[in-house]
Amino acid sequence: MTADVAMHMSDGLLNTTTSLLFAAVAVIGIAVAAARARDDLDDRTAPMAGLVAAFVFATQMLNFPVLPGVSGHLLGGALAAILVGPWVGALCVSIVLVVQALVFADGGVTALGANVTNMAIIGTAVGFAVATVLKRFTRTKPGLAAVAFTAAFVNTVVASLGFVLEFALGGDPAFGLGGVTATIVGVHCLIGIGEGVITALTVVAIAAVRPDLVHLLRGARRPLDVREESPA
């Protein structure tokens, strides 16, 4: 069982009952996100949402090594939530996962509900919650980078715990749950470092040019000072 299997579960990894249960969870989560996302979408944020979805799709197709024979990829939950908010972010990641499953066979169709639950719903919710708690540190470029990194790291680890829960409910009992938990969470701690670096670099780069497009920075007491000063 590899890390990529854990976050893009294939058909048959979970039993039918568990797959249907988390398909229902995913449908409810997406419905709530779609209803709430209307307040966040306008002529300025809608194109940004499209760009975020395209970026997450592209980066999820690229794996980076974390251990010999083990690779990981961007989950994108924290990144999407920080840039376009948790509701729109959840929809962006969900769309990516649906396209990957139906068009590229990356993740099983029967496991799509569990994958959406882990990466789109849990990922964006946890990532945005962490970033919101730490928002007071985002007034400088290093602070913003640290917040984005932390949110992405925590998002990755907690999303992997979602897989552990699902596997405990409907996985193959031949695999010991303790061993599965240690392996999956341990590997995703390493993947979370890569996720954090990518998220931090992306968020800081966008904030340096258009801080008004970063959802997390809305309502700040004073403008974020992340622009480089020009030489005299």
C-alpha atoms as a PDB file:
ATOM      1  CA  MET A   1       0.000   0.000   0.000  1.00  0.00           C
ATOM      2  CA  THR A   2       1.652   3.230  -1.169  1.00  0.00           C
ATOM      3  CA  ALA A   3       0.977   6.799  -0.163  1.00  0.00           C
ATOM      4  CA  ASP A   4      -0.539   7.578  -3.547  1.00  0.00           C
ATOM      5  CA  VAL A   5      -3.004   4.693  -3.124  1.00  0.00           C
ATOM      6  CA  ALA A   6      -4.017   6.086   0.253  1.00  0.00           C
ATOM      7  CA  MET A   7      -4.962   9.519  -1.039  1.00  0.00           C
ATOM      8  CA  HIS A   8      -6.221   8.316  -4.438  1.00  0.00           C
ATOM      9  CA  MET A   9      -7.886   5.111  -3.340  1.00  0.00           C
ATOM     10  CA  SER A  10      -8.581   2.554  -6.050  1.00  0.00           C
ATOM     11  CA  ASP A  11     -11.692   0.452  -6.550  1.00  0.00           C
ATOM     12  CA  GLY A  12     -11.979  -2.440  -4.114  1.00  0.00           C
ATOM     13  CA  LEU A  13      -9.839  -0.947  -1.367  1.00  0.00           C
ATOM     14  CA  LEU A  14     -12.987  -0.285   0.693  1.00  0.00           C
ATOM     15  CA  ASN A  15     -16.062  -2.478   0.917  1.00  0.00           C
ATOM     16  CA  THR A  16     -19.328  -1.442  -0.708  1.00  0.00           C
ATOM     17  CA  THR A  17     -21.011  -0.220   2.475  1.00  0.00           C
ATOM     18  CA  THR A  18     -18.125   2.072   3.407  1.00  0.00           C
ATOM     19  CA  SER A  19     -17.795   3.349  -0.161  1.00  0.00           C
ATOM     20  CA  LEU A  20     -21.501   4.260  -0.236  1.00  0.00           C
ATOM     21  CA  LEU A  21     -21.316   5.866   3.199  1.00  0.00           C
ATOM     22  CA  PHE A  22     -18.530   8.229   2.206  1.00  0.00           C
ATOM     23  CA  ALA A  23     -20.093   8.853  -1.190  1.00  0.00           C
ATOM     24  CA  ALA A  24     -23.057  10.235   0.755  1.00  0.00           C
ATOM     25  CA  VAL A  25     -20.729  12.290   2.963  1.00  0.00           C
ATOM     26  CA  ALA A  26     -19.048  13.708  -0.143  1.00  0.00           C
ATOM     27  CA  VAL A  27     -22.353  14.574  -1.834  1.00  0.00           C
ATOM     28  CA  ILE A  28     -23.601  16.388   1.272  1.00  0.00           C
ATOM     29  CA  GLY A  29     -20.286  18.200   1.666  1.00  0.00           C
ATOM     30  CA  ILE A  30     -20.220  19.323  -1.956  1.00  0.00           C
ATOM     31  CA  ALA A  31     -23.850  20.459  -1.778  1.00  0.00           C
ATOM     32  CA  VAL A  32     -23.137  22.588   1.284  1.00  0.00           C
ATOM     33  CA  ALA A  33     -19.977  24.018  -0.318  1.00  0.00           C
ATOM     34  CA  ALA A  34     -21.867  24.853  -3.523  1.00  0.00           C
ATOM     35  CA  ALA A  35     -24.572  26.677  -1.590  1.00  0.00           C
ATOM     36  CA  ARG A  36     -22.092  28.658   0.503  1.00  0.00           C
ATOM     37  CA  ALA A  37     -19.703  29.345  -2.396  1.00  0.00           C
ATOM     38  CA  ARG A  38     -22.210  31.682  -4.047  1.00  0.00           C
ATOM     39  CA  ASP A  39     -21.342  34.400  -1.545  1.00  0.00           C
ATOM     40  CA  ASP A  40     -17.635  34.173  -2.421  1.00  0.00           C
ATOM     41  CA  LEU A  41     -17.887  34.120  -6.217  1.00  0.00           C
ATOM     42  CA  ASP A  42     -17.935  37.293  -8.281  1.00  0.00           C
ATOM     43  CA  ASP A  43     -16.378  38.596 -11.498  1.00  0.00           C
ATOM     44  CA  ARG A  44     -12.988  38.758  -9.791  1.00  0.00           C
ATOM     45  CA  THR A  45     -12.923  35.509  -7.836  1.00  0.00           C
ATOM     46  CA  ALA A  46     -14.540  33.204 -10.413  1.00  0.00           C
ATOM     47  CA  PRO A  47     -11.541  33.327 -12.799  1.00  0.00           C
ATOM     48  CA  MET A  48      -9.249  32.837  -9.803  1.00  0.00           C
ATOM     49  CA  ALA A  49     -11.172  29.698  -8.854  1.00  0.00           C
ATOM     50  CA  GLY A  50     -10.657  28.334 -12.349  1.00  0.00           C
ATOM     51  CA  LEU A  51      -6.938  29.006 -12.153  1.00  0.00           C
ATOM     52  CA  VAL A  52      -6.714  27.342  -8.734  1.00  0.00           C
ATOM     53  CA  ALA A  53      -8.504  24.228 -10.011  1.00  0.00           C
ATOM     54  CA  ALA A  54      -6.190  24.062 -13.038  1.00  0.00           C
ATOM     55  CA  PHE A  55      -3.097  24.500 -10.862  1.00  0.00           C
ATOM     56  CA  VAL A  56      -4.174  21.818  -8.384  1.00  0.00           C
ATOM     57  CA  PHE A  57      -4.975  19.466 -11.254  1.00  0.00           C
ATOM     58  CA  ALA A  58      -1.571  19.995 -12.842  1.00  0.00           C
ATOM     59  CA  THR A  59       0.391  19.638  -9.610  1.00  0.00           C
ATOM     60  CA  GLN A  60      -1.527  16.532  -8.518  1.00  0.00           C
ATOM     61  CA  MET A  61      -0.378  14.851 -11.722  1.00  0.00           C
ATOM     62  CA  LEU A  62       3.254  15.411 -10.719  1.00  0.00           C
ATOM     63  CA  ASN A  63       4.719  13.222  -7.983  1.00  0.00           C
ATOM     64  CA  PHE A  64       7.752  14.053  -5.849  1.00  0.00           C
ATOM     65  CA  PRO A  65       9.866  11.424  -4.023  1.00  0.00           C
ATOM     66  CA  VAL A  66       9.649  11.252  -0.228  1.00  0.00           C
ATOM     67  CA  LEU A  67      11.336   7.886   0.425  1.00  0.00           C
ATOM     68  CA  PRO A  68      12.989   5.266  -1.779  1.00  0.00           C
ATOM     69  CA  GLY A  69      10.156   3.802  -3.842  1.00  0.00           C
ATOM     70  CA  VAL A  70       7.547   6.107  -2.273  1.00  0.00           C
ATOM     71  CA  SER A  71       6.267   9.332  -3.817  1.00  0.00           C
ATOM     72  CA  GLY A  72       3.632  11.894  -3.031  1.00  0.00           C
ATOM     73  CA  HIS A  73       1.799  14.751  -4.709  1.00  0.00           C
ATOM     74  CA  LEU A  74       0.037  17.957  -3.776  1.00  0.00           C
ATOM     75  CA  LEU A  75      -3.377  17.477  -2.184  1.00  0.00           C
ATOM     76  CA  GLY A  76      -4.209  21.142  -2.650  1.00  0.00           C
ATOM     77  CA  GLY A  77      -6.834  21.575   0.066  1.00  0.00           C
ATOM     78  CA  ALA A  78      -5.033  24.233   2.090  1.00  0.00           C
ATOM     79  CA  LEU A  79      -3.758  25.994  -1.024  1.00  0.00           C
ATOM     80  CA  ALA A  80      -7.239  26.247  -2.532  1.00  0.00           C
ATOM     81  CA  ALA A  81      -8.820  27.339   0.750  1.00  0.00           C
ATOM     82  CA  ILE A  82      -6.245  30.061   1.377  1.00  0.00           C
ATOM     83  CA  LEU A  83      -6.580  31.461  -2.136  1.00  0.00           C
ATOM     84  CA  VAL A  84     -10.334  31.229  -2.798  1.00  0.00           C
ATOM     85  CA  GLY A  85     -11.887  30.279   0.542  1.00  0.00           C
ATOM     86  CA  PRO A  86     -12.960  26.932   1.982  1.00  0.00           C
ATOM     87  CA  TRP A  87     -16.253  26.629   0.095  1.00  0.00           C
ATOM     88  CA  VAL A  88     -14.965  27.460  -3.367  1.00  0.00           C
ATOM     89  CA  GLY A  89     -11.743  25.601  -2.556  1.00  0.00           C
ATOM     90  CA  ALA A  90     -13.673  22.431  -1.745  1.00  0.00           C
ATOM     91  CA  LEU A  91     -15.453  22.670  -5.093  1.00  0.00           C
ATOM     92  CA  CYS A  92     -12.177  23.221  -6.953  1.00  0.00           C
ATOM     93  CA  VAL A  93     -10.522  20.144  -5.443  1.00  0.00           C
ATOM     94  CA  SER A  94     -13.688  18.066  -5.911  1.00  0.00           C
ATOM     95  CA  ILE A  95     -13.815  18.913  -9.615  1.00  0.00           C
ATOM     96  CA  VAL A  96     -10.164  17.934  -9.977  1.00  0.00           C
ATOM     97  CA  LEU A  97     -10.759  14.575  -8.284  1.00  0.00           C
ATOM     98  CA  VAL A  98     -13.836  13.806 -10.381  1.00  0.00           C
ATOM     99  CA  VAL A  99     -11.992  14.564 -13.629  1.00  0.00           C
ATOM    100  CA  GLN A 100      -9.006  12.508 -12.556  1.00  0.00           C
ATOM    101  CA  ALA A 101     -11.174   9.520 -11.657  1.00  0.00           C
ATOM    102  CA  LEU A 102     -13.466   9.576 -14.687  1.00  0.00           C
ATOM    103  CA  VAL A 103     -11.024  10.678 -17.396  1.00  0.00           C
ATOM    104  CA  PHE A 104      -7.578   9.589 -16.221  1.00  0.00           C
ATOM    105  CA  ALA A 105      -8.514   6.614 -13.978  1.00  0.00           C
ATOM    106  CA  ASP A 106      -6.484   8.203 -11.167  1.00  0.00           C
ATOM    107  CA  GLY A 107      -8.446   6.958  -8.161  1.00  0.00           C
ATOM    108  CA  GLY A 108     -11.316   4.487  -8.336  1.00  0.00           C
ATOM    109  CA  VAL A 109     -14.865   5.530  -9.195  1.00  0.00           C
ATOM    110  CA  THR A 110     -16.313   3.577  -6.262  1.00  0.00           C
ATOM    111  CA  ALA A 111     -13.767   5.228  -3.967  1.00  0.00           C
ATOM    112  CA  LEU A 112     -14.447   8.715  -5.319  1.00  0.00           C
ATOM    113  CA  GLY A 113     -16.605   9.651  -2.333  1.00  0.00           C
ATOM    114  CA  ALA A 114     -13.857   8.733   0.116  1.00  0.00           C
ATOM    115  CA  ASN A 115     -11.233  10.568  -1.931  1.00  0.00           C
ATOM    116  CA  VAL A 116     -13.384  13.695  -2.121  1.00  0.00           C
ATOM    117  CA  THR A 117     -14.080  13.472   1.605  1.00  0.00           C
ATOM    118  CA  ASN A 118     -10.380  13.266   2.445  1.00  0.00           C
ATOM    119  CA  MET A 119      -8.829  15.743   0.039  1.00  0.00           C
ATOM    120  CA  ALA A 120     -11.618  18.177  -0.835  1.00  0.00           C
ATOM    121  CA  ILE A 121     -13.724  18.338   2.322  1.00  0.00           C
ATOM    122  CA  ILE A 122     -11.364  17.479   5.182  1.00  0.00           C
ATOM    123  CA  GLY A 123      -8.378  19.009   3.396  1.00  0.00           C
ATOM    124  CA  THR A 124      -9.893  22.420   2.719  1.00  0.00           C
ATOM    125  CA  ALA A 125     -11.691  22.615   6.066  1.00  0.00           C
ATOM    126  CA  VAL A 126      -8.620  21.768   8.147  1.00  0.00           C
ATOM    127  CA  GLY A 127      -6.263  23.842   6.015  1.00  0.00           C
ATOM    128  CA  PHE A 128      -8.445  26.934   6.228  1.00  0.00           C
ATOM    129  CA  ALA A 129      -9.115  26.481   9.934  1.00  0.00           C
ATOM    130  CA  VAL A 130      -5.388  26.350  10.698  1.00  0.00           C
ATOM    131  CA  ALA A 131      -4.677  29.324   8.437  1.00  0.00           C
ATOM    132  CA  THR A 132      -7.467  31.338  10.058  1.00  0.00           C
ATOM    133  CA  VAL A 133      -6.185  30.638  13.569  1.00  0.00           C
ATOM    134  CA  LEU A 134      -2.721  31.813  12.500  1.00  0.00           C
ATOM    135  CA  LYS A 135      -3.931  34.730  10.373  1.00  0.00           C
ATOM    136  CA  ARG A 136      -2.429  37.361  12.684  1.00  0.00           C
ATOM    137  CA  PHE A 137       1.025  36.236  11.530  1.00  0.00           C
ATOM    138  CA  THR A 138       0.342  36.890   7.830  1.00  0.00           C
ATOM    139  CA  ARG A 139       1.307  40.569   7.742  1.00  0.00           C
ATOM    140  CA  THR A 140       4.816  39.855   6.480  1.00  0.00           C
ATOM    141  CA  LYS A 141       6.120  37.608   3.728  1.00  0.00           C
ATOM    142  CA  PRO A 142       7.886  35.169   6.112  1.00  0.00           C
ATOM    143  CA  GLY A 143       4.813  35.067   8.313  1.00  0.00           C
ATOM    144  CA  LEU A 144       2.497  34.353   5.394  1.00  0.00           C
ATOM    145  CA  ALA A 145       4.839  31.631   4.154  1.00  0.00           C
ATOM    146  CA  ALA A 146       4.946  30.022   7.611  1.00  0.00           C
ATOM    147  CA  VAL A 147       1.158  30.086   7.935  1.00  0.00           C
ATOM    148  CA  ALA A 148       0.649  28.577   4.475  1.00  0.00           C
ATOM    149  CA  PHE A 149       3.256  25.885   5.163  1.00  0.00           C
ATOM    150  CA  THR A 150       1.709  24.966   8.519  1.00  0.00           C
ATOM    151  CA  ALA A 151      -1.830  24.851   7.139  1.00  0.00           C
ATOM    152  CA  ALA A 152      -0.760  22.619   4.258  1.00  0.00           C
ATOM    153  CA  PHE A 153       1.252  20.288   6.480  1.00  0.00           C
ATOM    154  CA  VAL A 154      -1.593  19.828   8.971  1.00  0.00           C
ATOM    155  CA  ASN A 155      -4.101  19.449   6.123  1.00  0.00           C
ATOM    156  CA  THR A 156      -2.054  16.588   4.660  1.00  0.00           C
ATOM    157  CA  VAL A 157      -1.669  14.690   7.921  1.00  0.00           C
ATOM    158  CA  VAL A 158      -5.324  15.049   8.950  1.00  0.00           C
ATOM    159  CA  ALA A 159      -6.494  14.006   5.473  1.00  0.00           C
ATOM    160  CA  SER A 160      -4.409  10.844   5.838  1.00  0.00           C
ATOM    161  CA  LEU A 161      -6.226  10.158   9.114  1.00  0.00           C
ATOM    162  CA  GLY A 162      -9.451  10.305   7.113  1.00  0.00           C
ATOM    163  CA  PHE A 163      -8.134   7.420   5.059  1.00  0.00           C
ATOM    164  CA  VAL A 164      -7.225   5.521   8.220  1.00  0.00           C
ATOM    165  CA  LEU A 165     -10.803   5.926   9.501  1.00  0.00           C
ATOM    166  CA  GLU A 166     -12.262   4.724   6.213  1.00  0.00           C
ATOM    167  CA  PHE A 167      -9.888   1.761   6.080  1.00  0.00           C
ATOM    168  CA  ALA A 168     -10.765   0.860   9.664  1.00  0.00           C
ATOM    169  CA  LEU A 169     -14.458   0.789   8.729  1.00  0.00           C
ATOM    170  CA  GLY A 170     -14.220  -1.038   5.425  1.00  0.00           C
ATOM    171  CA  GLY A 171     -10.691  -2.074   4.552  1.00  0.00           C
ATOM    172  CA  ASP A 172      -9.066  -5.482   4.271  1.00  0.00           C
ATOM    173  CA  PRO A 173      -8.766  -6.903   7.807  1.00  0.00           C
ATOM    174  CA  ALA A 174      -5.663  -8.799   6.702  1.00  0.00           C
ATOM    175  CA  PHE A 175      -3.771  -5.538   7.138  1.00  0.00           C
ATOM    176  CA  GLY A 176      -3.273  -4.590  10.782  1.00  0.00           C
ATOM    177  CA  LEU A 177      -4.768  -1.173  11.519  1.00  0.00           C
ATOM    178  CA  GLY A 178      -1.818  -0.173  13.690  1.00  0.00           C
ATOM    179  CA  GLY A 179       0.657  -0.854  10.918  1.00  0.00           C
ATOM    180  CA  VAL A 180      -1.505   0.887   8.325  1.00  0.00           C
ATOM    181  CA  THR A 181      -1.880   3.937  10.546  1.00  0.00           C
ATOM    182  CA  ALA A 182       1.840   4.213  11.293  1.00  0.00           C
ATOM    183  CA  THR A 183       2.779   3.805   7.634  1.00  0.00           C
ATOM    184  CA  ILE A 184       0.205   6.137   6.144  1.00  0.00           C
ATOM    185  CA  VAL A 185       0.518   8.922   8.718  1.00  0.00           C
ATOM    186  CA  GLY A 186       4.301   8.663   8.805  1.00  0.00           C
ATOM    187  CA  VAL A 187       4.627   8.920   5.037  1.00  0.00           C
ATOM    188  CA  HIS A 188       2.147  11.775   4.887  1.00  0.00           C
ATOM    189  CA  CYS A 189       4.156  13.717   7.442  1.00  0.00           C
ATOM    190  CA  LEU A 190       6.934  13.677   4.845  1.00  0.00           C
ATOM    191  CA  ILE A 191       4.534  14.465   2.009  1.00  0.00           C
ATOM    192  CA  GLY A 192       3.201  17.320   4.127  1.00  0.00           C
ATOM    193  CA  ILE A 193       6.614  18.976   4.010  1.00  0.00           C
ATOM    194  CA  GLY A 194       6.523  19.010   0.214  1.00  0.00           C
ATOM    195  CA  GLU A 195       2.899  20.137   0.284  1.00  0.00           C
ATOM    196  CA  GLY A 196       3.828  22.941   2.667  1.00  0.00           C
ATOM    197  CA  VAL A 197       6.702  24.184   0.542  1.00  0.00           C
ATOM    198  CA  ILE A 198       4.613  24.239  -2.657  1.00  0.00           C
ATOM    199  CA  THR A 199       1.712  25.943  -0.898  1.00  0.00           C
ATOM    200  CA  ALA A 200       3.907  28.553   0.773  1.00  0.00           C
ATOM    201  CA  LEU A 201       5.749  29.449  -2.431  1.00  0.00           C
ATOM    202  CA  THR A 202       2.523  29.713  -4.419  1.00  0.00           C
ATOM    203  CA  VAL A 203       0.610  31.791  -1.876  1.00  0.00           C
ATOM    204  CA  VAL A 204       3.490  34.204  -1.276  1.00  0.00           C
ATOM    205  CA  ALA A 205       4.063  34.631  -5.016  1.00  0.00           C
ATOM    206  CA  ILE A 206       0.410  35.544  -5.616  1.00  0.00           C
ATOM    207  CA  ALA A 207       0.218  37.774  -2.543  1.00  0.00           C
ATOM    208  CA  ALA A 208       3.299  39.696  -3.672  1.00  0.00           C
ATOM    209  CA  VAL A 209       1.521  40.689  -6.882  1.00  0.00           C
ATOM    210  CA  ARG A 210      -2.195  40.698  -5.989  1.00  0.00           C
ATOM    211  CA  PRO A 211      -2.820  40.366  -2.244  1.00  0.00           C
ATOM    212  CA  ASP A 212      -6.458  41.310  -2.876  1.00  0.00           C
ATOM    213  CA  LEU A 213      -6.939  37.963  -4.627  1.00  0.00           C
ATOM    214  CA  VAL A 214      -5.884  35.923  -1.573  1.00  0.00           C
ATOM    215  CA  HIS A 215      -9.052  35.058   0.339  1.00  0.00           C
ATOM    216  CA  LEU A 216      -7.260  34.601   3.655  1.00  0.00           C
ATOM    217  CA  LEU A 217      -5.988  38.190   3.568  1.00  0.00           C
ATOM    218  CA  ARG A 218      -9.399  39.782   3.190  1.00  0.00           C
ATOM    219  CA  GLY A 219     -10.461  41.986   6.069  1.00  0.00           C
ATOM    220  CA  ALA A 220      -6.911  42.489   7.338  1.00  0.00           C
ATOM    221  CA  ARG A 221      -6.483  45.494   9.612  1.00  0.00           C
ATOM    222  CA  ARG A 222      -3.846  46.887   7.316  1.00  0.00           C
ATOM    223  CA  PRO A 223      -2.586  45.873   3.861  1.00  0.00           C
ATOM    224  CA  LEU A 224      -0.178  42.975   3.734  1.00  0.00           C
ATOM    225  CA  ASP A 225       3.374  44.174   3.171  1.00  0.00           C
ATOM    226  CA  VAL A 226       4.902  41.445   1.035  1.00  0.00           C
ATOM    227  CA  ARG A 227       6.126  43.434  -1.958  1.00  0.00           C
ATOM    228  CA  GLU A 228       9.817  43.765  -2.605  1.00  0.00           C
ATOM    229  CA  GLU A 229      11.125  47.308  -2.233  1.00  0.00           C
ATOM    230  CA  SER A 230      12.641  48.843  -5.352  1.00  0.00           C
ATOM    231  CA  PRO A 231      16.259  49.995  -5.048  1.00  0.00           C
ATOM    232  CA  ALA A 232      16.716  53.718  -4.724  1.00  0.00           C
END
